[in-house]
């Protein structure tokens, strides 16, 4: 069985004229990340690919336990028993 996962939602952090500028910002972002979960990539953009875009992705925290609304369930059950 294959499990389907939602695609990552990448955010654009900035567009730079040189790869060196983009690389410096990428290293700064990664050094400021304490969790180690931040992903950063540099992509070419602009006409002819002459500029460089920094994109970041940080995974959303997963809730291990799902909270159910017991008030809603009990109010539905009480209406049925009347």
PDB file of N, CA and C in Angstrom:
ATOM      1  N   UNK A   1       0.832  -1.188   0.000  1.00  0.00           N
ATOM      2  CA  UNK A   1       0.000   0.000   0.000  1.00  0.00           C
ATOM      3  C   UNK A   1       0.875   1.249   0.000  1.00  0.00           C
ATOM      4  N   UNK A   2       0.441   2.239  -0.714  1.00  0.00           N
ATOM      5  CA  UNK A   2       1.158   3.503  -0.722  1.00  0.00           C
ATOM      6  C   UNK A   2       0.351   4.533   0.044  1.00  0.00           C
ATOM      7  N   UNK A   3       1.034   5.272   0.873  1.00  0.00           N
ATOM      8  CA  UNK A   3       0.340   6.314   1.623  1.00  0.00           C
ATOM      9  C   UNK A   3       0.515   7.640   0.890  1.00  0.00           C
ATOM     10  N   UNK A   4      -0.584   8.345   0.725  1.00  0.00           N
ATOM     11  CA  UNK A   4      -0.525   9.628   0.037  1.00  0.00           C
ATOM     12  C   UNK A   4      -0.266  10.722   1.050  1.00  0.00           C
ATOM     13  N   UNK A   5       0.730  11.557   0.742  1.00  0.00           N
ATOM     14  CA  UNK A   5       1.055  12.670   1.621  1.00  0.00           C
ATOM     15  C   UNK A   5       0.797  13.967   0.869  1.00  0.00           C
ATOM     16  N   UNK A   6       0.454  14.983   1.633  1.00  0.00           N
ATOM     17  CA  UNK A   6       0.228  16.289   1.019  1.00  0.00           C
ATOM     18  C   UNK A   6       1.558  16.862   0.550  1.00  0.00           C
ATOM     19  N   UNK A   7       1.560  17.585  -0.549  1.00  0.00           N
ATOM     20  CA  UNK A   7       2.808  18.186  -1.023  1.00  0.00           C
ATOM     21  C   UNK A   7       3.282  19.276  -0.072  1.00  0.00           C
ATOM     22  N   UNK A   8       4.571  19.486  -0.062  1.00  0.00           N
ATOM     23  CA  UNK A   8       5.138  20.527   0.799  1.00  0.00           C
ATOM     24  C   UNK A   8       4.738  21.903   0.272  1.00  0.00           C
ATOM     25  N   UNK A   9       4.456  22.815   1.194  1.00  0.00           N
ATOM     26  CA  UNK A   9       4.137  24.181   0.828  1.00  0.00           C
ATOM     27  C   UNK A   9       5.374  25.030   1.090  1.00  0.00           C
ATOM     28  N   UNK A  10       6.055  25.427   0.017  1.00  0.00           N
ATOM     29  CA  UNK A  10       7.279  26.207   0.109  1.00  0.00           C
ATOM     30  C   UNK A  10       6.925  27.685   0.082  1.00  0.00           C
ATOM     31  N   UNK A  11       7.647  28.477   0.874  1.00  0.00           N
ATOM     32  CA  UNK A  11       7.445  29.924   0.917  1.00  0.00           C
ATOM     33  C   UNK A  11       8.666  30.618   0.322  1.00  0.00           C
ATOM     34  N   UNK A  12       8.422  31.612  -0.505  1.00  0.00           N
ATOM     35  CA  UNK A  12       9.511  32.381  -1.091  1.00  0.00           C
ATOM     36  C   UNK A  12       9.994  33.406  -0.077  1.00  0.00           C
ATOM     37  N   UNK A  13      11.283  33.379   0.231  1.00  0.00           N
ATOM     38  CA  UNK A  13      11.869  34.304   1.215  1.00  0.00           C
ATOM     39  C   UNK A  13      12.480  35.529   0.570  1.00  0.00           C
ATOM     40  N   UNK A  14      12.912  35.418  -0.669  1.00  0.00           N
ATOM     41  CA  UNK A  14      13.510  36.571  -1.324  1.00  0.00           C
ATOM     42  C   UNK A  14      14.093  36.204  -2.676  1.00  0.00           C
ATOM     43  N   UNK A  15      14.336  37.241  -3.486  1.00  0.00           N
ATOM     44  CA  UNK A  15      14.929  37.063  -4.804  1.00  0.00           C
ATOM     45  C   UNK A  15      16.190  37.915  -4.852  1.00  0.00           C
ATOM     46  N   UNK A  16      17.283  37.315  -5.324  1.00  0.00           N
ATOM     47  CA  UNK A  16      18.594  37.968  -5.317  1.00  0.00           C
ATOM     48  C   UNK A  16      19.205  37.937  -6.707  1.00  0.00           C
ATOM     49  N   UNK A  17      20.086  38.904  -6.973  1.00  0.00           N
ATOM     50  CA  UNK A  17      20.712  39.024  -8.289  1.00  0.00           C
ATOM     51  C   UNK A  17      21.851  38.041  -8.501  1.00  0.00           C
ATOM     52  N   UNK A  18      22.520  37.622  -7.423  1.00  0.00           N
ATOM     53  CA  UNK A  18      23.635  36.687  -7.574  1.00  0.00           C
ATOM     54  C   UNK A  18      23.430  35.465  -6.687  1.00  0.00           C
ATOM     55  N   UNK A  19      24.027  34.365  -7.114  1.00  0.00           N
ATOM     56  CA  UNK A  19      23.937  33.141  -6.331  1.00  0.00           C
ATOM     57  C   UNK A  19      24.651  33.313  -4.989  1.00  0.00           C
ATOM     58  N   UNK A  20      25.722  34.067  -4.969  1.00  0.00           N
ATOM     59  CA  UNK A  20      26.480  34.294  -3.738  1.00  0.00           C
ATOM     60  C   UNK A  20      25.611  34.968  -2.676  1.00  0.00           C
ATOM     61  N   UNK A  21      24.839  35.987  -3.065  1.00  0.00           N
ATOM     62  CA  UNK A  21      23.931  36.648  -2.119  1.00  0.00           C
ATOM     63  C   UNK A  21      22.897  35.670  -1.579  1.00  0.00           C
ATOM     64  N   UNK A  22      22.306  34.890  -2.471  1.00  0.00           N
ATOM     65  CA  UNK A  22      21.297  33.921  -2.061  1.00  0.00           C
ATOM     66  C   UNK A  22      21.898  32.851  -1.150  1.00  0.00           C
ATOM     67  N   UNK A  23      23.104  32.425  -1.433  1.00  0.00           N
ATOM     68  CA  UNK A  23      23.767  31.409  -0.630  1.00  0.00           C
ATOM     69  C   UNK A  23      24.065  31.912   0.784  1.00  0.00           C
ATOM     70  N   UNK A  24      24.453  33.179   0.905  1.00  0.00           N
ATOM     71  CA  UNK A  24      24.715  33.756   2.228  1.00  0.00           C
ATOM     72  C   UNK A  24      23.444  33.785   3.075  1.00  0.00           C
ATOM     73  N   UNK A  25      22.330  34.156   2.471  1.00  0.00           N
ATOM     74  CA  UNK A  25      21.058  34.194   3.195  1.00  0.00           C
ATOM     75  C   UNK A  25      20.620  32.776   3.572  1.00  0.00           C
ATOM     76  N   UNK A  26      20.838  31.826   2.678  1.00  0.00           N
ATOM     77  CA  UNK A  26      20.496  30.425   2.962  1.00  0.00           C
ATOM     78  C   UNK A  26      21.264  29.930   4.187  1.00  0.00           C
ATOM     79  N   UNK A  27      22.563  30.188   4.235  1.00  0.00           N
ATOM     80  CA  UNK A  27      23.375  29.760   5.377  1.00  0.00           C
ATOM     81  C   UNK A  27      22.935  30.452   6.663  1.00  0.00           C
ATOM     82  N   UNK A  28      22.545  31.730   6.576  1.00  0.00           N
ATOM     83  CA  UNK A  28      22.057  32.465   7.738  1.00  0.00           C
ATOM     84  C   UNK A  28      20.757  31.863   8.264  1.00  0.00           C
ATOM     85  N   UNK A  29      19.848  31.530   7.365  1.00  0.00           N
ATOM     86  CA  UNK A  29      18.577  30.914   7.769  1.00  0.00           C
ATOM     87  C   UNK A  29      18.813  29.566   8.447  1.00  0.00           C
ATOM     88  N   UNK A  30      19.690  28.758   7.867  1.00  0.00           N
ATOM     89  CA  UNK A  30      19.959  27.436   8.433  1.00  0.00           C
ATOM     90  C   UNK A  30      20.683  27.522   9.774  1.00  0.00           C
ATOM     91  N   UNK A  31      21.545  28.511   9.942  1.00  0.00           N
ATOM     92  CA  UNK A  31      22.265  28.631  11.214  1.00  0.00           C
ATOM     93  C   UNK A  31      21.347  29.137  12.331  1.00  0.00           C
ATOM     94  N   UNK A  32      20.289  29.880  11.978  1.00  0.00           N
ATOM     95  CA  UNK A  32      19.354  30.386  12.986  1.00  0.00           C
ATOM     96  C   UNK A  32      18.279  29.374  13.361  1.00  0.00           C
ATOM     97  N   UNK A  33      18.186  28.257  12.641  1.00  0.00           N
ATOM     98  CA  UNK A  33      17.180  27.232  12.914  1.00  0.00           C
ATOM     99  C   UNK A  33      17.664  26.319  14.034  1.00  0.00           C
ATOM    100  N   UNK A  34      16.943  26.321  15.152  1.00  0.00           N
ATOM    101  CA  UNK A  34      17.323  25.491  16.303  1.00  0.00           C
ATOM    102  C   UNK A  34      16.789  24.069  16.196  1.00  0.00           C
ATOM    103  N   UNK A  35      15.704  23.863  15.446  1.00  0.00           N
ATOM    104  CA  UNK A  35      15.064  22.553  15.400  1.00  0.00           C
ATOM    105  C   UNK A  35      15.719  21.594  14.420  1.00  0.00           C
ATOM    106  N   UNK A  36      16.365  22.122  13.401  1.00  0.00           N
ATOM    107  CA  UNK A  36      16.962  21.265  12.388  1.00  0.00           C
ATOM    108  C   UNK A  36      15.957  20.754  11.376  1.00  0.00           C
ATOM    109  N   UNK A  37      14.718  21.253  11.406  1.00  0.00           N
ATOM    110  CA  UNK A  37      13.677  20.798  10.484  1.00  0.00           C
ATOM    111  C   UNK A  37      13.472  21.738   9.304  1.00  0.00           C
ATOM    112  N   UNK A  38      14.101  22.897   9.327  1.00  0.00           N
ATOM    113  CA  UNK A  38      13.946  23.864   8.248  1.00  0.00           C
ATOM    114  C   UNK A  38      14.662  23.372   7.003  1.00  0.00           C
ATOM    115  N   UNK A  39      13.981  23.447   5.861  1.00  0.00           N
ATOM    116  CA  UNK A  39      14.583  23.099   4.580  1.00  0.00           C
ATOM    117  C   UNK A  39      14.652  24.365   3.745  1.00  0.00           C
ATOM    118  N   UNK A  40      15.803  24.607   3.119  1.00  0.00           N
ATOM    119  CA  UNK A  40      16.008  25.801   2.305  1.00  0.00           C
ATOM    120  C   UNK A  40      16.587  25.371   0.962  1.00  0.00           C
ATOM    121  N   UNK A  41      16.055  25.958  -0.111  1.00  0.00           N
ATOM    122  CA  UNK A  41      16.604  25.670  -1.432  1.00  0.00           C
ATOM    123  C   UNK A  41      16.708  26.967  -2.233  1.00  0.00           C
ATOM    124  N   UNK A  42      17.616  26.970  -3.183  1.00  0.00           N
ATOM    125  CA  UNK A  42      17.818  28.115  -4.061  1.00  0.00           C
ATOM    126  C   UNK A  42      17.413  27.687  -5.465  1.00  0.00           C
ATOM    127  N   UNK A  43      16.536  28.479  -6.082  1.00  0.00           N
ATOM    128  CA  UNK A  43      16.052  28.186  -7.423  1.00  0.00           C
ATOM    129  C   UNK A  43      16.340  29.354  -8.353  1.00  0.00           C
ATOM    130  N   UNK A  44      16.599  29.049  -9.604  1.00  0.00           N
ATOM    131  CA  UNK A  44      16.753  30.102 -10.607  1.00  0.00           C
ATOM    132  C   UNK A  44      15.363  30.645 -10.951  1.00  0.00           C
ATOM    133  N   UNK A  45      15.304  31.944 -11.240  1.00  0.00           N
ATOM    134  CA  UNK A  45      14.046  32.549 -11.650  1.00  0.00           C
ATOM    135  C   UNK A  45      14.351  33.751 -12.533  1.00  0.00           C
ATOM    136  N   UNK A  46      13.327  34.412 -12.990  1.00  0.00           N
ATOM    137  CA  UNK A  46      13.511  35.585 -13.829  1.00  0.00           C
ATOM    138  C   UNK A  46      13.708  35.211 -15.278  1.00  0.00           C
ATOM    139  N   UNK A  47      13.787  36.216 -16.138  1.00  0.00           N
ATOM    140  CA  UNK A  47      13.972  35.937 -17.571  1.00  0.00           C
ATOM    141  C   UNK A  47      15.349  35.318 -17.833  1.00  0.00           C
ATOM    142  N   UNK A  48      15.328  34.147 -18.397  1.00  0.00           N
ATOM    143  CA  UNK A  48      16.586  33.465 -18.699  1.00  0.00           C
ATOM    144  C   UNK A  48      17.268  32.877 -17.470  1.00  0.00           C
ATOM    145  N   UNK A  49      16.606  32.890 -16.319  1.00  0.00           N
ATOM    146  CA  UNK A  49      17.188  32.318 -15.108  1.00  0.00           C
ATOM    147  C   UNK A  49      18.341  33.119 -14.554  1.00  0.00           C
ATOM    148  N   UNK A  50      18.278  34.447 -14.652  1.00  0.00           N
ATOM    149  CA  UNK A  50      19.409  35.276 -14.218  1.00  0.00           C
ATOM    150  C   UNK A  50      19.332  35.675 -12.746  1.00  0.00           C
ATOM    151  N   UNK A  51      18.212  35.411 -12.089  1.00  0.00           N
ATOM    152  CA  UNK A  51      18.074  35.751 -10.674  1.00  0.00           C
ATOM    153  C   UNK A  51      17.900  34.473  -9.867  1.00  0.00           C
ATOM    154  N   UNK A  52      18.006  34.592  -8.533  1.00  0.00           N
ATOM    155  CA  UNK A  52      17.963  33.417  -7.658  1.00  0.00           C
ATOM    156  C   UNK A  52      16.962  33.648  -6.544  1.00  0.00           C
ATOM    157  N   UNK A  53      16.076  32.662  -6.358  1.00  0.00           N
ATOM    158  CA  UNK A  53      15.002  32.744  -5.387  1.00  0.00           C
ATOM    159  C   UNK A  53      15.280  31.774  -4.241  1.00  0.00           C
ATOM    160  N   UNK A  54      15.109  32.233  -2.991  1.00  0.00           N
ATOM    161  CA  UNK A  54      15.250  31.359  -1.831  1.00  0.00           C
ATOM    162  C   UNK A  54      13.864  30.913  -1.410  1.00  0.00           C
ATOM    163  N   UNK A  55      13.697  29.597  -1.287  1.00  0.00           N
ATOM    164  CA  UNK A  55      12.425  29.029  -0.854  1.00  0.00           C
ATOM    165  C   UNK A  55      12.668  28.225   0.416  1.00  0.00           C
ATOM    166  N   UNK A  56      11.737  28.328   1.383  1.00  0.00           N
ATOM    167  CA  UNK A  56      11.880  27.615   2.648  1.00  0.00           C
ATOM    168  C   UNK A  56      10.638  26.782   2.914  1.00  0.00           C
ATOM    169  N   UNK A  57      10.856  25.702   3.659  1.00  0.00           N
ATOM    170  CA  UNK A  57       9.758  24.835   4.095  1.00  0.00           C
ATOM    171  C   UNK A  57      10.032  24.435   5.538  1.00  0.00           C
ATOM    172  N   UNK A  58       9.025  24.623   6.383  1.00  0.00           N
ATOM    173  CA  UNK A  58       9.108  24.184   7.770  1.00  0.00           C
ATOM    174  C   UNK A  58       7.879  23.342   8.040  1.00  0.00           C
ATOM    175  N   UNK A  59       8.045  22.058   8.402  1.00  0.00           N
ATOM    176  CA  UNK A  59       6.887  21.190   8.595  1.00  0.00           C
ATOM    177  C   UNK A  59       6.024  21.644   9.764  1.00  0.00           C
ATOM    178  N   UNK A  60       4.721  21.507   9.586  1.00  0.00           N
ATOM    179  CA  UNK A  60       3.796  21.861  10.654  1.00  0.00           C
ATOM    180  C   UNK A  60       3.872  20.797  11.743  1.00  0.00           C
ATOM    181  N   UNK A  61       3.762  21.197  13.009  1.00  0.00           N
ATOM    182  CA  UNK A  61       3.794  20.205  14.091  1.00  0.00           C
ATOM    183  C   UNK A  61       2.584  19.287  14.002  1.00  0.00           C
ATOM    184  N   UNK A  62       2.834  18.010  14.237  1.00  0.00           N
ATOM    185  CA  UNK A  62       1.758  17.018  14.176  1.00  0.00           C
ATOM    186  C   UNK A  62       1.189  16.799  15.569  1.00  0.00           C
ATOM    187  N   UNK A  63      -0.128  16.756  15.651  1.00  0.00           N
ATOM    188  CA  UNK A  63      -0.788  16.449  16.917  1.00  0.00           C
ATOM    189  C   UNK A  63      -0.905  14.934  17.022  1.00  0.00           C
ATOM    190  N   UNK A  64      -0.349  14.386  18.098  1.00  0.00           N
ATOM    191  CA  UNK A  64      -0.386  12.935  18.252  1.00  0.00           C
ATOM    192  C   UNK A  64      -1.769  12.445  18.663  1.00  0.00           C
ATOM    193  N   UNK A  65      -2.439  13.194  19.498  1.00  0.00           N
ATOM    194  CA  UNK A  65      -3.771  12.801  19.937  1.00  0.00           C
ATOM    195  C   UNK A  65      -4.783  13.767  19.359  1.00  0.00           C
ATOM    196  N   UNK A  66      -5.820  13.216  18.777  1.00  0.00           N
ATOM    197  CA  UNK A  66      -6.887  14.066  18.272  1.00  0.00           C
ATOM    198  C   UNK A  66      -7.868  14.318  19.400  1.00  0.00           C
ATOM    199  N   UNK A  67      -8.197  15.573  19.598  1.00  0.00           N
ATOM    200  CA  UNK A  67      -9.153  15.919  20.634  1.00  0.00           C
ATOM    201  C   UNK A  67     -10.546  15.897  20.034  1.00  0.00           C
ATOM    202  N   UNK A  68     -11.467  15.240  20.721  1.00  0.00           N
ATOM    203  CA  UNK A  68     -12.837  15.202  20.244  1.00  0.00           C
ATOM    204  C   UNK A  68     -13.665  16.151  21.077  1.00  0.00           C
ATOM    205  N   UNK A  69     -14.649  16.677  20.476  1.00  0.00           N
ATOM    206  CA  UNK A  69     -15.529  17.599  21.162  1.00  0.00           C
ATOM    207  C   UNK A  69     -16.631  16.776  21.825  1.00  0.00           C
ATOM    208  N   UNK A  70     -16.466  16.479  23.095  1.00  0.00           N
ATOM    209  CA  UNK A  70     -17.424  15.622  23.797  1.00  0.00           C
ATOM    210  C   UNK A  70     -18.745  16.334  24.028  1.00  0.00           C
ATOM    211  N   UNK A  71     -18.724  17.648  24.098  1.00  0.00           N
ATOM    212  CA  UNK A  71     -19.956  18.399  24.314  1.00  0.00           C
ATOM    213  C   UNK A  71     -20.910  18.213  23.131  1.00  0.00           C
ATOM    214  N   UNK A  72     -20.377  18.246  21.927  1.00  0.00           N
ATOM    215  CA  UNK A  72     -21.207  18.090  20.739  1.00  0.00           C
ATOM    216  C   UNK A  72     -21.798  16.689  20.681  1.00  0.00           C
ATOM    217  N   UNK A  73     -20.993  15.697  20.981  1.00  0.00           N
ATOM    218  CA  UNK A  73     -21.491  14.333  20.929  1.00  0.00           C
ATOM    219  C   UNK A  73     -22.568  14.092  21.981  1.00  0.00           C
ATOM    220  N   UNK A  74     -22.356  14.603  23.185  1.00  0.00           N
ATOM    221  CA  UNK A  74     -23.329  14.370  24.235  1.00  0.00           C
ATOM    222  C   UNK A  74     -24.631  15.120  23.954  1.00  0.00           C
ATOM    223  N   UNK A  75     -24.552  16.289  23.333  1.00  0.00           N
ATOM    224  CA  UNK A  75     -25.777  17.018  23.024  1.00  0.00           C
ATOM    225  C   UNK A  75     -26.560  16.313  21.928  1.00  0.00           C
ATOM    226  N   UNK A  76     -25.879  15.676  20.996  1.00  0.00           N
ATOM    227  CA  UNK A  76     -26.580  14.905  19.968  1.00  0.00           C
ATOM    228  C   UNK A  76     -27.259  13.698  20.591  1.00  0.00           C
ATOM    229  N   UNK A  77     -26.551  13.025  21.476  1.00  0.00           N
ATOM    230  CA  UNK A  77     -27.131  11.836  22.097  1.00  0.00           C
ATOM    231  C   UNK A  77     -28.308  12.190  22.983  1.00  0.00           C
ATOM    232  N   UNK A  78     -28.241  13.317  23.676  1.00  0.00           N
ATOM    233  CA  UNK A  78     -29.336  13.685  24.554  1.00  0.00           C
ATOM    234  C   UNK A  78     -30.581  14.055  23.757  1.00  0.00           C
ATOM    235  N   UNK A  79     -30.443  14.605  22.584  1.00  0.00           N
ATOM    236  CA  UNK A  79     -31.597  14.932  21.754  1.00  0.00           C
ATOM    237  C   UNK A  79     -32.286  13.677  21.230  1.00  0.00           C
ATOM    238  N   UNK A  80     -31.514  12.660  20.971  1.00  0.00           N
ATOM    239  CA  UNK A  80     -32.081  11.414  20.451  1.00  0.00           C
ATOM    240  C   UNK A  80     -32.858  10.679  21.521  1.00  0.00           C
ATOM    241  N   UNK A  81     -32.447  10.766  22.763  1.00  0.00           N
ATOM    242  CA  UNK A  81     -33.114  10.000  23.823  1.00  0.00           C
ATOM    243  C   UNK A  81     -34.384  10.668  24.309  1.00  0.00           C
ATOM    244  N   UNK A  82     -34.640  11.885  23.940  1.00  0.00           N
ATOM    245  CA  UNK A  82     -35.852  12.579  24.402  1.00  0.00           C
ATOM    246  C   UNK A  82     -37.094  12.117  23.760  1.00  0.00           C
TER     247      UNK A  82
END
